[in-house]
Amino acid sequence: FRRFLSQEARTKIQAAVTEYPVVLFMKGNPEQPMCGFSRGVVKILSAFDIPPEKFKTYNVLEDLELRTGIKEFSEWPTIPQLYVNGEFVGGSDIALSMFQSGELETLLEQHGVIPKASS
């Protein structure tokens, strides 16, 4: 059974993912993650020292429509979900893999979220 996202909910989520350069839909908040996967992505992102004006989190446990809607919006079945510059990046496994390979840092640099590392 697939629930269809209302146009209003889709519009709200689209606005949310584009409001800040980095957006994380997670269980809990960065200070108190409510699952290990959300904690892992918060830890990864904290390694980059992203300025607060460029980073926003949404606690899906506080909003059932958001919790189910974000999964349909991204066509990704799990939380957390990371967006950079309005584009869905992935969940915790993908974020970890991209962090380890250096791809995540490059992506954040390309979008002006963090300064380019000097070589």
PDB file of N, CA and C in Angstrom:
ATOM      1  N   PHE A   1       0.846  -1.192   0.000  1.00  0.00           N
ATOM      2  CA  PHE A   1       0.000   0.000   0.000  1.00  0.00           C
ATOM      3  C   PHE A   1       0.879   1.240   0.000  1.00  0.00           C
ATOM      4  N   ARG A   2       0.666   2.081  -0.969  1.00  0.00           N
ATOM      5  CA  ARG A   2       1.464   3.289  -1.088  1.00  0.00           C
ATOM      6  C   ARG A   2       0.569   4.498  -0.890  1.00  0.00           C
ATOM      7  N   ARG A   3       0.971   5.340   0.016  1.00  0.00           N
ATOM      8  CA  ARG A   3       0.216   6.555   0.303  1.00  0.00           C
ATOM      9  C   ARG A   3       0.675   7.631  -0.664  1.00  0.00           C
ATOM     10  N   PHE A   4      -0.253   8.345  -1.235  1.00  0.00           N
ATOM     11  CA  PHE A   4       0.126   9.388  -2.175  1.00  0.00           C
ATOM     12  C   PHE A   4       0.280  10.708  -1.453  1.00  0.00           C
ATOM     13  N   LEU A   5       1.399  11.314  -1.688  1.00  0.00           N
ATOM     14  CA  LEU A   5       1.750  12.580  -1.071  1.00  0.00           C
ATOM     15  C   LEU A   5       0.856  13.677  -1.634  1.00  0.00           C
ATOM     16  N   SER A   6       0.233  14.450  -0.752  1.00  0.00           N
ATOM     17  CA  SER A   6      -0.608  15.555  -1.224  1.00  0.00           C
ATOM     18  C   SER A   6       0.285  16.612  -1.862  1.00  0.00           C
ATOM     19  N   GLN A   7      -0.281  17.398  -2.754  1.00  0.00           N
ATOM     20  CA  GLN A   7       0.487  18.457  -3.414  1.00  0.00           C
ATOM     21  C   GLN A   7       0.990  19.448  -2.378  1.00  0.00           C
ATOM     22  N   GLU A   8       0.186  19.707  -1.358  1.00  0.00           N
ATOM     23  CA  GLU A   8       0.588  20.638  -0.293  1.00  0.00           C
ATOM     24  C   GLU A   8       1.810  20.107   0.461  1.00  0.00           C
ATOM     25  N   ALA A   9       1.781  18.815   0.800  1.00  0.00           N
ATOM     26  CA  ALA A   9       2.910  18.205   1.510  1.00  0.00           C
ATOM     27  C   ALA A   9       4.151  18.190   0.616  1.00  0.00           C
ATOM     28  N   ARG A  10       3.970  17.871  -0.655  1.00  0.00           N
ATOM     29  CA  ARG A  10       5.097  17.848  -1.598  1.00  0.00           C
ATOM     30  C   ARG A  10       5.722  19.246  -1.703  1.00  0.00           C
ATOM     31  N   THR A  11       4.887  20.271  -1.772  1.00  0.00           N
ATOM     32  CA  THR A  11       5.367  21.650  -1.861  1.00  0.00           C
ATOM     33  C   THR A  11       6.138  22.041  -0.608  1.00  0.00           C
ATOM     34  N   LYS A  12       5.626  21.646   0.569  1.00  0.00           N
ATOM     35  CA  LYS A  12       6.315  21.941   1.833  1.00  0.00           C
ATOM     36  C   LYS A  12       7.680  21.261   1.902  1.00  0.00           C
ATOM     37  N   ILE A  13       7.739  20.010   1.482  1.00  0.00           N
ATOM     38  CA  ILE A  13       9.007  19.279   1.507  1.00  0.00           C
ATOM     39  C   ILE A  13       9.978  19.887   0.492  1.00  0.00           C
ATOM     40  N   GLN A  14       9.494  20.222  -0.691  1.00  0.00           N
ATOM     41  CA  GLN A  14      10.356  20.838  -1.710  1.00  0.00           C
ATOM     42  C   GLN A  14      10.933  22.151  -1.184  1.00  0.00           C
ATOM     43  N   ALA A  15      10.103  22.944  -0.511  1.00  0.00           N
ATOM     44  CA  ALA A  15      10.586  24.201   0.077  1.00  0.00           C
ATOM     45  C   ALA A  15      11.630  23.916   1.156  1.00  0.00           C
ATOM     46  N   ALA A  16      11.402  22.874   1.953  1.00  0.00           N
ATOM     47  CA  ALA A  16      12.330  22.526   3.031  1.00  0.00           C
ATOM     48  C   ALA A  16      13.691  22.110   2.487  1.00  0.00           C
ATOM     49  N   VAL A  17      13.715  21.298   1.431  1.00  0.00           N
ATOM     50  CA  VAL A  17      14.999  20.795   0.930  1.00  0.00           C
ATOM     51  C   VAL A  17      15.791  21.857   0.183  1.00  0.00           C
ATOM     52  N   THR A  18      15.127  22.940  -0.203  1.00  0.00           N
ATOM     53  CA  THR A  18      15.840  23.997  -0.928  1.00  0.00           C
ATOM     54  C   THR A  18      16.080  25.241  -0.081  1.00  0.00           C
ATOM     55  N   GLU A  19      15.550  25.264   1.135  1.00  0.00           N
ATOM     56  CA  GLU A  19      15.682  26.446   2.001  1.00  0.00           C
ATOM     57  C   GLU A  19      17.123  26.651   2.478  1.00  0.00           C
ATOM     58  N   TYR A  20      17.828  25.557   2.717  1.00  0.00           N
ATOM     59  CA  TYR A  20      19.218  25.598   3.190  1.00  0.00           C
ATOM     60  C   TYR A  20      20.065  24.753   2.249  1.00  0.00           C
ATOM     61  N   PRO A  21      21.365  25.045   2.117  1.00  0.00           N
ATOM     62  CA  PRO A  21      22.213  24.227   1.252  1.00  0.00           C
ATOM     63  C   PRO A  21      22.323  22.765   1.712  1.00  0.00           C
ATOM     64  N   VAL A  22      22.299  22.522   3.025  1.00  0.00           N
ATOM     65  CA  VAL A  22      22.368  21.155   3.542  1.00  0.00           C
ATOM     66  C   VAL A  22      21.168  20.926   4.447  1.00  0.00           C
ATOM     67  N   VAL A  23      20.387  19.890   4.129  1.00  0.00           N
ATOM     68  CA  VAL A  23      19.186  19.571   4.910  1.00  0.00           C
ATOM     69  C   VAL A  23      19.232  18.090   5.260  1.00  0.00           C
ATOM     70  N   LEU A  24      18.964  17.814   6.530  1.00  0.00           N
ATOM     71  CA  LEU A  24      18.948  16.434   7.006  1.00  0.00           C
ATOM     72  C   LEU A  24      17.609  16.141   7.673  1.00  0.00           C
ATOM     73  N   PHE A  25      16.901  15.164   7.149  1.00  0.00           N
ATOM     74  CA  PHE A  25      15.689  14.656   7.785  1.00  0.00           C
ATOM     75  C   PHE A  25      16.145  13.491   8.641  1.00  0.00           C
ATOM     76  N   MET A  26      15.886  13.588   9.944  1.00  0.00           N
ATOM     77  CA  MET A  26      16.445  12.614  10.878  1.00  0.00           C
ATOM     78  C   MET A  26      15.460  12.297  11.984  1.00  0.00           C
ATOM     79  N   LYS A  27      15.791  11.292  12.761  1.00  0.00           N
ATOM     80  CA  LYS A  27      15.017  10.973  13.963  1.00  0.00           C
ATOM     81  C   LYS A  27      15.723  11.659  15.127  1.00  0.00           C
ATOM     82  N   GLY A  28      15.045  12.615  15.752  1.00  0.00           N
ATOM     83  CA  GLY A  28      15.640  13.400  16.823  1.00  0.00           C
ATOM     84  C   GLY A  28      16.235  14.675  16.268  1.00  0.00           C
ATOM     85  N   ASN A  29      17.229  15.208  16.972  1.00  0.00           N
ATOM     86  CA  ASN A  29      17.910  16.421  16.520  1.00  0.00           C
ATOM     87  C   ASN A  29      19.411  16.222  16.715  1.00  0.00           C
ATOM     88  N   PRO A  30      20.233  17.122  16.171  1.00  0.00           N
ATOM     89  CA  PRO A  30      21.687  16.904  16.260  1.00  0.00           C
ATOM     90  C   PRO A  30      22.199  16.750  17.692  1.00  0.00           C
ATOM     91  N   GLU A  31      21.590  17.440  18.636  1.00  0.00           N
ATOM     92  CA  GLU A  31      22.017  17.337  20.027  1.00  0.00           C
ATOM     93  C   GLU A  31      21.557  16.035  20.667  1.00  0.00           C
ATOM     94  N   GLN A  32      20.454  15.492  20.182  1.00  0.00           N
ATOM     95  CA  GLN A  32      19.894  14.273  20.757  1.00  0.00           C
ATOM     96  C   GLN A  32      19.293  13.379  19.661  1.00  0.00           C
ATOM     97  N   PRO A  33      20.152  12.748  18.856  1.00  0.00           N
ATOM     98  CA  PRO A  33      19.635  11.845  17.824  1.00  0.00           C
ATOM     99  C   PRO A  33      18.899  10.673  18.466  1.00  0.00           C
ATOM    100  N   MET A  34      17.824  10.219  17.822  1.00  0.00           N
ATOM    101  CA  MET A  34      17.007   9.154  18.387  1.00  0.00           C
ATOM    102  C   MET A  34      17.237   7.805  17.699  1.00  0.00           C
ATOM    103  N   CYS A  35      18.252   7.721  16.839  1.00  0.00           N
ATOM    104  CA  CYS A  35      18.639   6.433  16.265  1.00  0.00           C
ATOM    105  C   CYS A  35      20.104   6.500  15.856  1.00  0.00           C
ATOM    106  N   GLY A  36      20.735   5.362  15.811  1.00  0.00           N
ATOM    107  CA  GLY A  36      22.156   5.296  15.498  1.00  0.00           C
ATOM    108  C   GLY A  36      22.493   5.793  14.101  1.00  0.00           C
ATOM    109  N   PHE A  37      21.600   5.570  13.147  1.00  0.00           N
ATOM    110  CA  PHE A  37      21.860   6.003  11.778  1.00  0.00           C
ATOM    111  C   PHE A  37      21.832   7.526  11.681  1.00  0.00           C
ATOM    112  N   SER A  38      20.858   8.147  12.351  1.00  0.00           N
ATOM    113  CA  SER A  38      20.795   9.614  12.377  1.00  0.00           C
ATOM    114  C   SER A  38      22.031  10.167  13.088  1.00  0.00           C
ATOM    115  N   ARG A  39      22.411   9.549  14.190  1.00  0.00           N
ATOM    116  CA  ARG A  39      23.605   9.979  14.933  1.00  0.00           C
ATOM    117  C   ARG A  39      24.842   9.915  14.037  1.00  0.00           C
ATOM    118  N   GLY A  40      24.944   8.856  13.248  1.00  0.00           N
ATOM    119  CA  GLY A  40      26.087   8.681  12.353  1.00  0.00           C
ATOM    120  C   GLY A  40      26.200   9.790  11.325  1.00  0.00           C
ATOM    121  N   VAL A  41      25.076  10.167  10.715  1.00  0.00           N
ATOM    122  CA  VAL A  41      25.109  11.223   9.697  1.00  0.00           C
ATOM    123  C   VAL A  41      25.422  12.569  10.348  1.00  0.00           C
ATOM    124  N   VAL A  42      24.871  12.830  11.519  1.00  0.00           N
ATOM    125  CA  VAL A  42      25.182  14.067  12.241  1.00  0.00           C
ATOM    126  C   VAL A  42      26.683  14.135  12.526  1.00  0.00           C
ATOM    127  N   LYS A  43      27.250  13.017  12.945  1.00  0.00           N
ATOM    128  CA  LYS A  43      28.684  12.956  13.247  1.00  0.00           C
ATOM    129  C   LYS A  43      29.520  13.236  11.993  1.00  0.00           C
ATOM    130  N   ILE A  44      29.122  12.642  10.872  1.00  0.00           N
ATOM    131  CA  ILE A  44      29.814  12.866   9.596  1.00  0.00           C
ATOM    132  C   ILE A  44      29.763  14.347   9.233  1.00  0.00           C
ATOM    133  N   LEU A  45      28.574  14.928   9.291  1.00  0.00           N
ATOM    134  CA  LEU A  45      28.421  16.334   8.904  1.00  0.00           C
ATOM    135  C   LEU A  45      29.181  17.259   9.851  1.00  0.00           C
ATOM    136  N   SER A  46      29.250  16.895  11.126  1.00  0.00           N
ATOM    137  CA  SER A  46      29.951  17.750  12.089  1.00  0.00           C
ATOM    138  C   SER A  46      31.446  17.825  11.781  1.00  0.00           C
ATOM    139  N   ALA A  47      31.973  16.832  11.085  1.00  0.00           N
ATOM    140  CA  ALA A  47      33.393  16.833  10.712  1.00  0.00           C
ATOM    141  C   ALA A  47      33.718  17.980   9.752  1.00  0.00           C
ATOM    142  N   PHE A  48      32.707  18.510   9.069  1.00  0.00           N
ATOM    143  CA  PHE A  48      32.935  19.566   8.079  1.00  0.00           C
ATOM    144  C   PHE A  48      32.732  20.977   8.625  1.00  0.00           C
ATOM    145  N   ASP A  49      32.264  21.079   9.872  1.00  0.00           N
ATOM    146  CA  ASP A  49      32.066  22.400  10.473  1.00  0.00           C
ATOM    147  C   ASP A  49      31.213  23.302   9.577  1.00  0.00           C
ATOM    148  N   ILE A  50      30.062  22.782   9.158  1.00  0.00           N
ATOM    149  CA  ILE A  50      29.154  23.524   8.286  1.00  0.00           C
ATOM    150  C   ILE A  50      28.544  24.680   9.078  1.00  0.00           C
ATOM    151  N   PRO A  51      28.601  25.903   8.545  1.00  0.00           N
ATOM    152  CA  PRO A  51      28.010  27.041   9.259  1.00  0.00           C
ATOM    153  C   PRO A  51      26.505  26.818   9.486  1.00  0.00           C
ATOM    154  N   PRO A  52      25.993  27.213  10.667  1.00  0.00           N
ATOM    155  CA  PRO A  52      24.576  26.969  10.987  1.00  0.00           C
ATOM    156  C   PRO A  52      23.600  27.576   9.977  1.00  0.00           C
ATOM    157  N   GLU A  53      23.973  28.668   9.340  1.00  0.00           N
ATOM    158  CA  GLU A  53      23.068  29.292   8.366  1.00  0.00           C
ATOM    159  C   GLU A  53      22.994  28.496   7.057  1.00  0.00           C
ATOM    160  N   LYS A  54      23.809  27.446   6.943  1.00  0.00           N
ATOM    161  CA  LYS A  54      23.805  26.617   5.737  1.00  0.00           C
ATOM    162  C   LYS A  54      23.315  25.197   6.009  1.00  0.00           C
ATOM    163  N   PHE A  55      22.806  24.941   7.232  1.00  0.00           N
ATOM    164  CA  PHE A  55      22.450  23.580   7.624  1.00  0.00           C
ATOM    165  C   PHE A  55      21.172  23.580   8.448  1.00  0.00           C
ATOM    166  N   LYS A  56      20.246  22.707   8.072  1.00  0.00           N
ATOM    167  CA  LYS A  56      18.973  22.614   8.781  1.00  0.00           C
ATOM    168  C   LYS A  56      18.610  21.145   8.938  1.00  0.00           C
ATOM    169  N   THR A  57      18.087  20.800  10.114  1.00  0.00           N
ATOM    170  CA  THR A  57      17.596  19.437  10.325  1.00  0.00           C
ATOM    171  C   THR A  57      16.102  19.481  10.610  1.00  0.00           C
ATOM    172  N   TYR A  58      15.442  18.399  10.274  1.00  0.00           N
ATOM    173  CA  TYR A  58      14.021  18.216  10.572  1.00  0.00           C
ATOM    174  C   TYR A  58      13.868  16.909  11.316  1.00  0.00           C
ATOM    175  N   ASN A  59      13.195  16.968  12.458  1.00  0.00           N
ATOM    176  CA  ASN A  59      12.931  15.782  13.258  1.00  0.00           C
ATOM    177  C   ASN A  59      11.638  15.138  12.763  1.00  0.00           C
ATOM    178  N   VAL A  60      11.763  14.013  12.067  1.00  0.00           N
ATOM    179  CA  VAL A  60      10.582  13.368  11.495  1.00  0.00           C
ATOM    180  C   VAL A  60       9.697  12.722  12.558  1.00  0.00           C
ATOM    181  N   LEU A  61      10.216  12.552  13.770  1.00  0.00           N
ATOM    182  CA  LEU A  61       9.405  11.965  14.837  1.00  0.00           C
ATOM    183  C   LEU A  61       8.342  12.942  15.341  1.00  0.00           C
ATOM    184  N   GLU A  62       8.516  14.218  15.037  1.00  0.00           N
ATOM    185  CA  GLU A  62       7.556  15.233  15.478  1.00  0.00           C
ATOM    186  C   GLU A  62       6.424  15.453  14.482  1.00  0.00           C
ATOM    187  N   ASP A  63       6.510  14.839  13.297  1.00  0.00           N
ATOM    188  CA  ASP A  63       5.536  15.105  12.253  1.00  0.00           C
ATOM    189  C   ASP A  63       5.334  13.844  11.418  1.00  0.00           C
ATOM    190  N   LEU A  64       4.237  13.139  11.661  1.00  0.00           N
ATOM    191  CA  LEU A  64       3.974  11.876  10.976  1.00  0.00           C
ATOM    192  C   LEU A  64       3.882  12.062   9.467  1.00  0.00           C
ATOM    193  N   GLU A  65       3.241  13.138   9.015  1.00  0.00           N
ATOM    194  CA  GLU A  65       3.124  13.362   7.566  1.00  0.00           C
ATOM    195  C   GLU A  65       4.507  13.559   6.946  1.00  0.00           C
ATOM    196  N   LEU A  66       5.368  14.280   7.634  1.00  0.00           N
ATOM    197  CA  LEU A  66       6.731  14.474   7.137  1.00  0.00           C
ATOM    198  C   LEU A  66       7.480  13.137   7.121  1.00  0.00           C
ATOM    199  N   ARG A  67       7.313  12.366   8.166  1.00  0.00           N
ATOM    200  CA  ARG A  67       8.019  11.078   8.284  1.00  0.00           C
ATOM    201  C   ARG A  67       7.660  10.139   7.130  1.00  0.00           C
ATOM    202  N   THR A  68       6.398  10.055   6.792  1.00  0.00           N
ATOM    203  CA  THR A  68       5.994   9.192   5.682  1.00  0.00           C
ATOM    204  C   THR A  68       6.182   9.906   4.343  1.00  0.00           C
ATOM    205  N   GLY A  69       5.933  11.206   4.326  1.00  0.00           N
ATOM    206  CA  GLY A  69       6.001  11.970   3.083  1.00  0.00           C
ATOM    207  C   GLY A  69       7.395  12.068   2.508  1.00  0.00           C
ATOM    208  N   ILE A  70       8.401  12.229   3.365  1.00  0.00           N
ATOM    209  CA  ILE A  70       9.761  12.381   2.864  1.00  0.00           C
ATOM    210  C   ILE A  70      10.225  11.104   2.167  1.00  0.00           C
ATOM    211  N   LYS A  71       9.748   9.972   2.629  1.00  0.00           N
ATOM    212  CA  LYS A  71      10.125   8.694   2.001  1.00  0.00           C
ATOM    213  C   LYS A  71       9.548   8.600   0.590  1.00  0.00           C
ATOM    214  N   GLU A  72       8.326   9.067   0.420  1.00  0.00           N
ATOM    215  CA  GLU A  72       7.717   9.052  -0.914  1.00  0.00           C
ATOM    216  C   GLU A  72       8.356  10.122  -1.801  1.00  0.00           C
ATOM    217  N   PHE A  73       8.618  11.284  -1.212  1.00  0.00           N
ATOM    218  CA  PHE A  73       9.209  12.406  -1.951  1.00  0.00           C
ATOM    219  C   PHE A  73      10.530  11.997  -2.594  1.00  0.00           C
ATOM    220  N   SER A  74      11.382  11.319  -1.809  1.00  0.00           N
ATOM    221  CA  SER A  74      12.714  10.935  -2.284  1.00  0.00           C
ATOM    222  C   SER A  74      12.733   9.569  -2.953  1.00  0.00           C
ATOM    223  N   GLU A  75      11.628   8.811  -2.778  1.00  0.00           N
ATOM    224  CA  GLU A  75      11.573   7.419  -3.208  1.00  0.00           C
ATOM    225  C   GLU A  75      12.690   6.612  -2.536  1.00  0.00           C
ATOM    226  N   TRP A  76      12.928   6.937  -1.263  1.00  0.00           N
ATOM    227  CA  TRP A  76      13.941   6.249  -0.451  1.00  0.00           C
ATOM    228  C   TRP A  76      13.239   5.797   0.824  1.00  0.00           C
ATOM    229  N   PRO A  77      13.332   4.518   1.204  1.00  0.00           N
ATOM    230  CA  PRO A  77      12.485   3.986   2.263  1.00  0.00           C
ATOM    231  C   PRO A  77      12.908   4.272   3.705  1.00  0.00           C
ATOM    232  N   THR A  78      14.078   4.848   3.911  1.00  0.00           N
ATOM    233  CA  THR A  78      14.558   4.980   5.286  1.00  0.00           C
ATOM    234  C   THR A  78      14.927   6.407   5.657  1.00  0.00           C
ATOM    235  N   ILE A  79      15.044   6.619   6.958  1.00  0.00           N
ATOM    236  CA  ILE A  79      15.476   7.875   7.559  1.00  0.00           C
ATOM    237  C   ILE A  79      16.788   7.529   8.269  1.00  0.00           C
ATOM    238  N   PRO A  80      17.797   8.340   8.257  1.00  0.00           N
ATOM    239  CA  PRO A  80      17.855   9.730   7.814  1.00  0.00           C
ATOM    240  C   PRO A  80      17.990   9.859   6.290  1.00  0.00           C
ATOM    241  N   GLN A  81      17.708  11.094   5.840  1.00  0.00           N
ATOM    242  CA  GLN A  81      17.871  11.439   4.439  1.00  0.00           C
ATOM    243  C   GLN A  81      18.612  12.763   4.353  1.00  0.00           C
ATOM    244  N   LEU A  82      19.660  12.778   3.549  1.00  0.00           N
ATOM    245  CA  LEU A  82      20.498  13.954   3.392  1.00  0.00           C
ATOM    246  C   LEU A  82      20.288  14.589   2.021  1.00  0.00           C
ATOM    247  N   TYR A  83      20.114  15.906   2.030  1.00  0.00           N
ATOM    248  CA  TYR A  83      19.978  16.687   0.794  1.00  0.00           C
ATOM    249  C   TYR A  83      21.064  17.748   0.762  1.00  0.00           C
ATOM    250  N   VAL A  84      21.656  17.940  -0.412  1.00  0.00           N
ATOM    251  CA  VAL A  84      22.617  19.018  -0.610  1.00  0.00           C
ATOM    252  C   VAL A  84      22.171  19.799  -1.831  1.00  0.00           C
ATOM    253  N   ASN A  85      21.984  21.091  -1.639  1.00  0.00           N
ATOM    254  CA  ASN A  85      21.562  21.984  -2.719  1.00  0.00           C
ATOM    255  C   ASN A  85      20.264  21.512  -3.373  1.00  0.00           C
ATOM    256  N   GLY A  86      19.340  21.015  -2.545  1.00  0.00           N
ATOM    257  CA  GLY A  86      18.036  20.588  -3.042  1.00  0.00           C
ATOM    258  C   GLY A  86      18.004  19.203  -3.656  1.00  0.00           C
ATOM    259  N   GLU A  87      19.153  18.550  -3.758  1.00  0.00           N
ATOM    260  CA  GLU A  87      19.232  17.222  -4.366  1.00  0.00           C
ATOM    261  C   GLU A  87      19.384  16.156  -3.287  1.00  0.00           C
ATOM    262  N   PHE A  88      18.643  15.073  -3.443  1.00  0.00           N
ATOM    263  CA  PHE A  88      18.748  13.962  -2.508  1.00  0.00           C
ATOM    264  C   PHE A  88      20.097  13.280  -2.679  1.00  0.00           C
ATOM    265  N   VAL A  89      20.851  13.153  -1.598  1.00  0.00           N
ATOM    266  CA  VAL A  89      22.164  12.502  -1.621  1.00  0.00           C
ATOM    267  C   VAL A  89      22.020  11.037  -1.243  1.00  0.00           C
ATOM    268  N   GLY A  90      21.315  10.755  -0.138  1.00  0.00           N
ATOM    269  CA  GLY A  90      21.122   9.376   0.286  1.00  0.00           C
ATOM    270  C   GLY A  90      20.918   9.278   1.780  1.00  0.00           C
ATOM    271  N   GLY A  91      20.990   8.055   2.264  1.00  0.00           N
ATOM    272  CA  GLY A  91      20.827   7.785   3.677  1.00  0.00           C
ATOM    273  C   GLY A  91      22.178   7.622   4.355  1.00  0.00           C
ATOM    274  N   SER A  92      22.183   6.967   5.502  1.00  0.00           N
ATOM    275  CA  SER A  92      23.407   6.896   6.296  1.00  0.00           C
ATOM    276  C   SER A  92      24.516   6.092   5.610  1.00  0.00           C
ATOM    277  N   ASP A  93      24.191   4.988   4.954  1.00  0.00           N
ATOM    278  CA  ASP A  93      25.223   4.183   4.286  1.00  0.00           C
ATOM    279  C   ASP A  93      25.903   4.963   3.172  1.00  0.00           C
ATOM    280  N   ILE A  94      25.095   5.657   2.374  1.00  0.00           N
ATOM    281  CA  ILE A  94      25.649   6.440   1.269  1.00  0.00           C
ATOM    282  C   ILE A  94      26.462   7.611   1.806  1.00  0.00           C
ATOM    283  N   ALA A  95      25.950   8.294   2.828  1.00  0.00           N
ATOM    284  CA  ALA A  95      26.687   9.416   3.424  1.00  0.00           C
ATOM    285  C   ALA A  95      28.036   8.939   3.968  1.00  0.00           C
ATOM    286  N   LEU A  96      28.047   7.787   4.633  1.00  0.00           N
ATOM    287  CA  LEU A  96      29.294   7.250   5.181  1.00  0.00           C
ATOM    288  C   LEU A  96      30.276   6.902   4.055  1.00  0.00           C
ATOM    289  N   SER A  97      29.795   6.246   3.031  1.00  0.00           N
ATOM    290  CA  SER A  97      30.636   5.868   1.899  1.00  0.00           C
ATOM    291  C   SER A  97      31.212   7.114   1.214  1.00  0.00           C
ATOM    292  N   MET A  98      30.374   8.122   1.012  1.00  0.00           N
ATOM    293  CA  MET A  98      30.835   9.367   0.370  1.00  0.00           C
ATOM    294  C   MET A  98      31.824  10.116   1.264  1.00  0.00           C
ATOM    295  N   PHE A  99      31.625  10.048   2.571  1.00  0.00           N
ATOM    296  CA  PHE A  99      32.552  10.676   3.514  1.00  0.00           C
ATOM    297  C   PHE A  99      33.917   9.993   3.423  1.00  0.00           C
ATOM    298  N   GLN A 100      33.909   8.669   3.447  1.00  0.00           N
ATOM    299  CA  GLN A 100      35.154   7.896   3.425  1.00  0.00           C
ATOM    300  C   GLN A 100      35.920   8.085   2.119  1.00  0.00           C
ATOM    301  N   SER A 101      35.205   8.240   1.009  1.00  0.00           N
ATOM    302  CA  SER A 101      35.861   8.377  -0.297  1.00  0.00           C
ATOM    303  C   SER A 101      36.282   9.817  -0.595  1.00  0.00           C
ATOM    304  N   GLY A 102      35.759  10.784   0.196  1.00  0.00           N
ATOM    305  CA  GLY A 102      36.059  12.189  -0.067  1.00  0.00           C
ATOM    306  C   GLY A 102      35.020  12.868  -0.951  1.00  0.00           C
ATOM    307  N   GLU A 103      34.072  12.076  -1.485  1.00  0.00           N
ATOM    308  CA  GLU A 103      33.048  12.635  -2.377  1.00  0.00           C
ATOM    309  C   GLU A 103      32.151  13.659  -1.677  1.00  0.00           C
ATOM    310  N   LEU A 104      31.837  13.399  -0.407  1.00  0.00           N
ATOM    311  CA  LEU A 104      30.946  14.305   0.309  1.00  0.00           C
ATOM    312  C   LEU A 104      31.604  15.669   0.495  1.00  0.00           C
ATOM    313  N   GLU A 105      32.874  15.665   0.866  1.00  0.00           N
ATOM    314  CA  GLU A 105      33.606  16.924   1.024  1.00  0.00           C
ATOM    315  C   GLU A 105      33.629  17.695  -0.296  1.00  0.00           C
ATOM    316  N   THR A 106      33.904  16.995  -1.395  1.00  0.00           N
ATOM    317  CA  THR A 106      33.929  17.618  -2.720  1.00  0.00           C
ATOM    318  C   THR A 106      32.565  18.220  -3.056  1.00  0.00           C
ATOM    319  N   LEU A 107      31.497  17.473  -2.778  1.00  0.00           N
ATOM    320  CA  LEU A 107      30.140  17.949  -3.049  1.00  0.00           C
ATOM    321  C   LEU A 107      29.845  19.225  -2.256  1.00  0.00           C
ATOM    322  N   LEU A 108      30.213  19.224  -0.974  1.00  0.00           N
ATOM    323  CA  LEU A 108      29.977  20.401  -0.127  1.00  0.00           C
ATOM    324  C   LEU A 108      30.812  21.593  -0.603  1.00  0.00           C
ATOM    325  N   GLU A 109      32.012  21.335  -1.056  1.00  0.00           N
ATOM    326  CA  GLU A 109      32.861  22.412  -1.589  1.00  0.00           C
ATOM    327  C   GLU A 109      32.278  22.979  -2.879  1.00  0.00           C
ATOM    328  N   GLN A 110      31.847  22.094  -3.778  1.00  0.00           N
ATOM    329  CA  GLN A 110      31.300  22.517  -5.072  1.00  0.00           C
ATOM    330  C   GLN A 110      30.085  23.413  -4.910  1.00  0.00           C
ATOM    331  N   HIS A 111      29.311  23.187  -3.856  1.00  0.00           N
ATOM    332  CA  HIS A 111      28.104  23.975  -3.643  1.00  0.00           C
ATOM    333  C   HIS A 111      28.332  25.140  -2.697  1.00  0.00           C
ATOM    334  N   GLY A 112      29.598  25.416  -2.368  1.00  0.00           N
ATOM    335  CA  GLY A 112      29.928  26.562  -1.531  1.00  0.00           C
ATOM    336  C   GLY A 112      29.487  26.442  -0.083  1.00  0.00           C
ATOM    337  N   VAL A 113      29.238  25.226   0.367  1.00  0.00           N
ATOM    338  CA  VAL A 113      28.811  25.011   1.743  1.00  0.00           C
ATOM    339  C   VAL A 113      30.005  25.171   2.692  1.00  0.00           C
ATOM    340  N   ILE A 114      31.138  24.615   2.248  1.00  0.00           N
ATOM    341  CA  ILE A 114      32.385  24.742   3.008  1.00  0.00           C
ATOM    342  C   ILE A 114      33.452  25.256   2.044  1.00  0.00           C
ATOM    343  N   PRO A 115      34.471  25.926   2.566  1.00  0.00           N
ATOM    344  CA  PRO A 115      35.536  26.401   1.677  1.00  0.00           C
ATOM    345  C   PRO A 115      36.330  25.223   1.104  1.00  0.00           C
ATOM    346  N   LYS A 116      36.852  25.430  -0.099  1.00  0.00           N
ATOM    347  CA  LYS A 116      37.682  24.388  -0.698  1.00  0.00           C
ATOM    348  C   LYS A 116      38.940  24.207   0.136  1.00  0.00           C
ATOM    349  N   ALA A 117      39.303  22.948   0.355  1.00  0.00           N
ATOM    350  CA  ALA A 117      40.511  22.656   1.121  1.00  0.00           C
ATOM    351  C   ALA A 117      41.717  23.083   0.306  1.00  0.00           C
ATOM    352  N   SER A 118      42.662  23.746   0.948  1.00  0.00           N
ATOM    353  CA  SER A 118      43.863  24.147   0.225  1.00  0.00           C
ATOM    354  C   SER A 118      44.767  22.944   0.047  1.00  0.00           C
ATOM    355  N   SER A 119      45.335  22.840  -1.169  1.00  0.00           N
ATOM    356  CA  SER A 119      46.145  21.655  -1.443  1.00  0.00           C
ATOM    357  C   SER A 119      47.596  21.867  -1.098  1.00  0.00           C
TER     358      SER A 119
END
